[in-house]
Structure formats: structure tokens, C-alpha cells
N, C-alpha and C. Protein backbone atom coordinates (compact mmCIF):
# COMPACT_ATOMS: atom_id res chain seq x y z
N MET A 1 60.28 -0.24 -44.92
CA MET A 1 59.66 -0.29 -43.50
C MET A 1 60.37 -1.61 -42.78
N LYS A 2 60.88 -1.47 -41.45
CA LYS A 2 61.58 -2.39 -40.81
C LYS A 2 60.87 -2.70 -39.39
N ILE A 3 61.12 -4.13 -39.37
CA ILE A 3 60.63 -4.74 -38.21
C ILE A 3 61.27 -3.83 -36.90
N GLY A 4 60.56 -3.67 -35.74
CA GLY A 4 61.12 -3.04 -34.56
C GLY A 4 61.84 -4.12 -33.75
N GLU A 5 62.28 -3.60 -32.74
CA GLU A 5 62.91 -4.64 -31.68
C GLU A 5 62.16 -5.72 -31.24
N ARG A 6 60.91 -5.27 -30.90
CA ARG A 6 59.99 -6.21 -30.10
C ARG A 6 58.94 -6.96 -31.30
N GLY A 7 59.45 -6.92 -32.69
CA GLY A 7 58.71 -7.59 -33.67
C GLY A 7 57.54 -6.67 -34.23
N GLN A 8 57.40 -5.41 -33.90
CA GLN A 8 56.24 -4.67 -34.67
C GLN A 8 56.45 -4.12 -35.44
N VAL A 9 55.45 -3.83 -36.41
CA VAL A 9 55.40 -2.94 -37.71
C VAL A 9 54.30 -2.06 -37.57
N THR A 10 54.50 -0.87 -38.36
CA THR A 10 53.19 0.09 -38.37
C THR A 10 52.69 -0.03 -39.74
N ILE A 11 51.48 -0.27 -39.72
CA ILE A 11 50.54 -0.31 -40.97
C ILE A 11 50.37 1.02 -41.40
N PRO A 12 50.69 1.58 -42.55
CA PRO A 12 50.41 2.64 -43.15
C PRO A 12 49.07 3.07 -42.88
N LYS A 13 48.77 4.63 -42.70
CA LYS A 13 47.56 5.14 -42.51
C LYS A 13 46.44 4.68 -43.53
N ASP A 14 46.79 4.95 -44.64
CA ASP A 14 46.11 4.91 -45.89
C ASP A 14 45.34 3.24 -45.73
N ILE A 15 46.36 2.48 -45.57
CA ILE A 15 45.80 0.98 -45.41
C ILE A 15 44.89 0.86 -44.24
N ARG A 16 45.22 1.20 -43.09
CA ARG A 16 44.48 1.13 -41.99
C ARG A 16 43.00 1.90 -42.24
N ASP A 17 42.96 3.00 -42.66
CA ASP A 17 41.82 3.69 -43.11
C ASP A 17 40.77 2.87 -44.14
N ARG A 18 41.51 2.19 -45.18
CA ARG A 18 40.94 1.55 -46.16
C ARG A 18 40.23 0.30 -45.63
N PHE A 19 40.82 -0.24 -44.76
CA PHE A 19 40.31 -1.59 -44.25
C PHE A 19 39.88 -1.53 -42.90
N GLY A 20 39.66 -0.32 -42.15
CA GLY A 20 39.01 -0.13 -41.07
C GLY A 20 39.68 -0.83 -39.87
N LEU A 21 40.91 -0.55 -39.82
CA LEU A 21 41.90 -1.04 -39.01
C LEU A 21 42.18 -0.01 -37.94
N GLY A 22 41.71 -0.27 -36.61
CA GLY A 22 41.98 0.93 -35.67
C GLY A 22 42.38 0.15 -34.37
N PRO A 23 42.82 0.94 -33.22
CA PRO A 23 43.06 0.43 -32.02
C PRO A 23 42.05 -0.96 -31.71
N GLU A 24 42.64 -1.90 -30.95
CA GLU A 24 41.91 -2.88 -30.64
C GLU A 24 41.24 -3.95 -31.69
N THR A 25 41.71 -3.68 -33.07
CA THR A 25 41.22 -4.25 -33.95
C THR A 25 41.89 -5.78 -34.05
N GLU A 26 41.20 -6.85 -34.06
CA GLU A 26 41.79 -8.17 -34.03
C GLU A 26 42.36 -8.45 -35.50
N VAL A 27 43.56 -8.82 -35.57
CA VAL A 27 43.85 -9.24 -36.91
C VAL A 27 44.49 -10.86 -36.94
N GLU A 28 44.68 -11.43 -37.80
CA GLU A 28 45.17 -12.63 -37.91
C GLU A 28 46.21 -12.91 -39.05
N PHE A 29 47.35 -13.60 -38.73
CA PHE A 29 48.40 -13.81 -39.69
C PHE A 29 48.10 -15.22 -40.38
N LYS A 30 48.46 -15.44 -41.51
CA LYS A 30 48.41 -16.68 -42.26
C LYS A 30 49.47 -16.93 -43.22
N VAL A 31 50.11 -17.99 -43.51
CA VAL A 31 51.19 -18.15 -44.39
C VAL A 31 50.61 -18.74 -45.61
N VAL A 32 50.55 -17.99 -46.72
CA VAL A 32 50.11 -18.62 -48.16
C VAL A 32 51.30 -18.66 -49.06
N LYS A 33 51.57 -19.87 -49.19
CA LYS A 33 53.02 -20.22 -50.20
C LYS A 33 54.18 -19.62 -49.44
N ASP A 34 54.88 -18.81 -49.95
CA ASP A 34 55.87 -18.07 -49.30
C ASP A 34 55.71 -16.81 -48.81
N SER A 35 54.29 -16.34 -48.71
CA SER A 35 54.07 -15.07 -48.18
C SER A 35 53.34 -14.97 -46.68
N ILE A 36 53.38 -14.14 -46.18
CA ILE A 36 52.56 -13.81 -44.95
C ILE A 36 51.48 -12.76 -45.19
N VAL A 37 50.31 -13.36 -44.89
CA VAL A 37 48.94 -12.41 -45.06
C VAL A 37 48.56 -12.02 -43.70
N LEU A 38 48.28 -10.76 -43.70
CA LEU A 38 47.53 -10.09 -42.51
C LEU A 38 46.13 -9.85 -42.93
N ARG A 39 45.36 -10.24 -42.05
CA ARG A 39 43.94 -9.77 -42.49
C ARG A 39 43.00 -9.60 -41.15
N LYS A 40 42.22 -8.73 -41.27
CA LYS A 40 41.29 -8.52 -40.17
C LYS A 40 40.54 -9.55 -39.80
N ALA A 41 40.60 -10.03 -38.42
CA ALA A 41 39.80 -11.17 -38.06
C ALA A 41 38.40 -11.03 -38.14
N PRO A 42 37.57 -12.19 -38.63
CA PRO A 42 36.12 -11.91 -38.60
C PRO A 42 35.69 -11.77 -37.07
N ARG A 43 34.72 -10.96 -37.17
CA ARG A 43 33.93 -10.49 -35.97
C ARG A 43 33.02 -11.97 -35.59
N LYS A 44 33.22 -12.10 -34.23
CA LYS A 44 32.63 -13.24 -33.51
C LYS A 44 31.13 -12.85 -33.12
N LEU A 45 30.15 -13.49 -33.49
CA LEU A 45 28.72 -12.89 -32.99
C LEU A 45 28.75 -13.42 -31.62
N ASP A 46 28.12 -12.72 -30.76
CA ASP A 46 27.84 -13.38 -29.27
C ASP A 46 26.16 -13.31 -29.29
N LEU A 47 25.81 -14.35 -29.59
CA LEU A 47 24.30 -14.70 -29.86
C LEU A 47 23.60 -14.78 -28.48
N ALA A 48 24.42 -15.11 -27.72
CA ALA A 48 23.75 -15.30 -26.16
C ALA A 48 23.01 -14.22 -25.69
N LYS A 49 23.64 -12.80 -26.23
CA LYS A 49 22.93 -11.60 -25.42
C LYS A 49 21.49 -11.48 -26.22
N TRP A 50 21.30 -12.02 -27.36
CA TRP A 50 20.02 -12.19 -27.87
C TRP A 50 19.04 -12.95 -27.67
N ARG A 51 19.39 -14.10 -26.81
CA ARG A 51 18.45 -15.05 -26.28
C ARG A 51 17.36 -14.45 -25.68
N GLY A 52 16.19 -14.86 -26.06
CA GLY A 52 14.90 -14.66 -25.41
C GLY A 52 14.68 -13.40 -25.80
N ARG A 53 14.72 -12.42 -26.57
CA ARG A 53 14.74 -11.02 -27.03
C ARG A 53 13.29 -11.19 -27.90
N GLY A 54 12.96 -12.21 -28.64
CA GLY A 54 11.92 -12.07 -29.36
C GLY A 54 10.68 -12.76 -28.94
N ARG A 55 11.02 -13.19 -27.61
CA ARG A 55 9.75 -14.14 -27.01
C ARG A 55 8.36 -13.08 -26.88
N LYS A 56 8.42 -11.92 -26.40
CA LYS A 56 7.32 -11.07 -26.71
C LYS A 56 6.67 -10.74 -27.96
N ALA A 57 7.47 -10.48 -28.75
CA ALA A 57 6.94 -10.27 -30.19
C ALA A 57 6.35 -11.58 -30.79
N PHE A 58 6.79 -12.69 -30.48
CA PHE A 58 6.26 -13.96 -31.13
C PHE A 58 4.99 -14.12 -29.96
N ALA A 59 5.21 -13.82 -28.85
CA ALA A 59 3.69 -13.93 -28.09
C ALA A 59 2.60 -13.15 -28.65
N LYS A 60 2.83 -11.91 -29.18
CA LYS A 60 1.95 -10.92 -29.87
C LYS A 60 1.22 -11.67 -31.20
N MET A 61 2.20 -12.47 -31.75
CA MET A 61 1.55 -12.98 -32.98
C MET A 61 1.08 -14.34 -32.65
N GLY A 62 0.88 -14.87 -31.48
CA GLY A 62 0.35 -16.12 -30.80
C GLY A 62 1.11 -17.19 -31.09
N CYS A 63 2.40 -17.11 -31.02
CA CYS A 63 3.38 -18.18 -31.10
C CYS A 63 4.14 -18.30 -29.76
N ALA A 64 4.33 -19.62 -29.47
CA ALA A 64 5.19 -19.54 -28.16
C ALA A 64 6.54 -19.83 -28.40
N SER A 65 7.01 -19.95 -29.59
CA SER A 65 8.57 -20.20 -29.79
C SER A 65 8.71 -19.78 -31.34
N VAL A 66 10.03 -19.57 -31.74
CA VAL A 66 10.42 -19.55 -33.19
C VAL A 66 10.19 -20.72 -33.76
N ASP A 67 10.14 -21.68 -33.38
CA ASP A 67 9.86 -22.94 -33.95
C ASP A 67 8.29 -23.02 -34.38
N GLU A 68 7.50 -22.50 -33.46
CA GLU A 68 6.06 -22.80 -33.73
C GLU A 68 5.64 -21.56 -34.84
N PHE A 69 6.55 -20.27 -34.66
CA PHE A 69 6.23 -19.26 -35.89
C PHE A 69 6.59 -19.91 -37.12
N ILE A 70 7.82 -20.50 -37.37
CA ILE A 70 8.23 -21.05 -38.48
C ILE A 70 7.45 -21.96 -39.13
N GLU A 71 6.92 -22.93 -38.20
CA GLU A 71 5.79 -23.78 -38.60
C GLU A 71 4.51 -23.21 -39.16
N ASP A 72 4.24 -22.20 -38.57
CA ASP A 72 2.86 -21.42 -38.96
C ASP A 72 3.12 -20.76 -40.16
N ILE A 73 4.08 -20.13 -40.30
CA ILE A 73 4.25 -19.24 -41.66
C ILE A 73 4.66 -20.38 -42.97
N ARG A 74 5.10 -21.65 -42.49
CA ARG A 74 5.20 -22.66 -43.63
C ARG A 74 3.72 -23.22 -43.92
N GLY A 75 2.97 -22.99 -43.02
CA GLY A 75 1.47 -23.78 -43.27
C GLY A 75 1.45 -25.03 -42.67
N ARG A 76 2.09 -25.39 -41.89
CA ARG A 76 1.98 -26.92 -41.34
C ARG A 76 1.24 -26.84 -39.95
């Protein structure tokens, strides 16, 4: 396999399938000793979208917050 004019390479299909690499998959490169390692970048969790979603469920259980719920189940 050769690197193209713009520095691009094609990852073989069997490797893409095995590791779930598709279009728009973020990858990162690392240098390990004298080798270049390509790996799938870890997914970043967007926790902001979940903020406040459990409020109604906790209210049904009689708790005003997650902290209150945790204290309750710990018996404090």
C-alpha cells in the first residue's frame, strides 16, 4: 500500500469492518516507539443533553435531587 499525493491511505475493508470504522469515524494517531498507531478515537459523552431528565422520576420517588436520592438509599 502506498500513501497518496495528499497523504491519504485506504484502510482495508476487512479491518474497517472488524473495528467499526465508517465514514465520519474519528481516529487518532500515536507514535509508539518506532511505530505509528492508528486507533478509533474514544467517543465523547455529551452529558449536557441528559441534564434534568431524571427530575420527574426522582420527584415520583419523593426526592428533590439525585443527591437526596443517594442519601436516601444509603439510609442517611
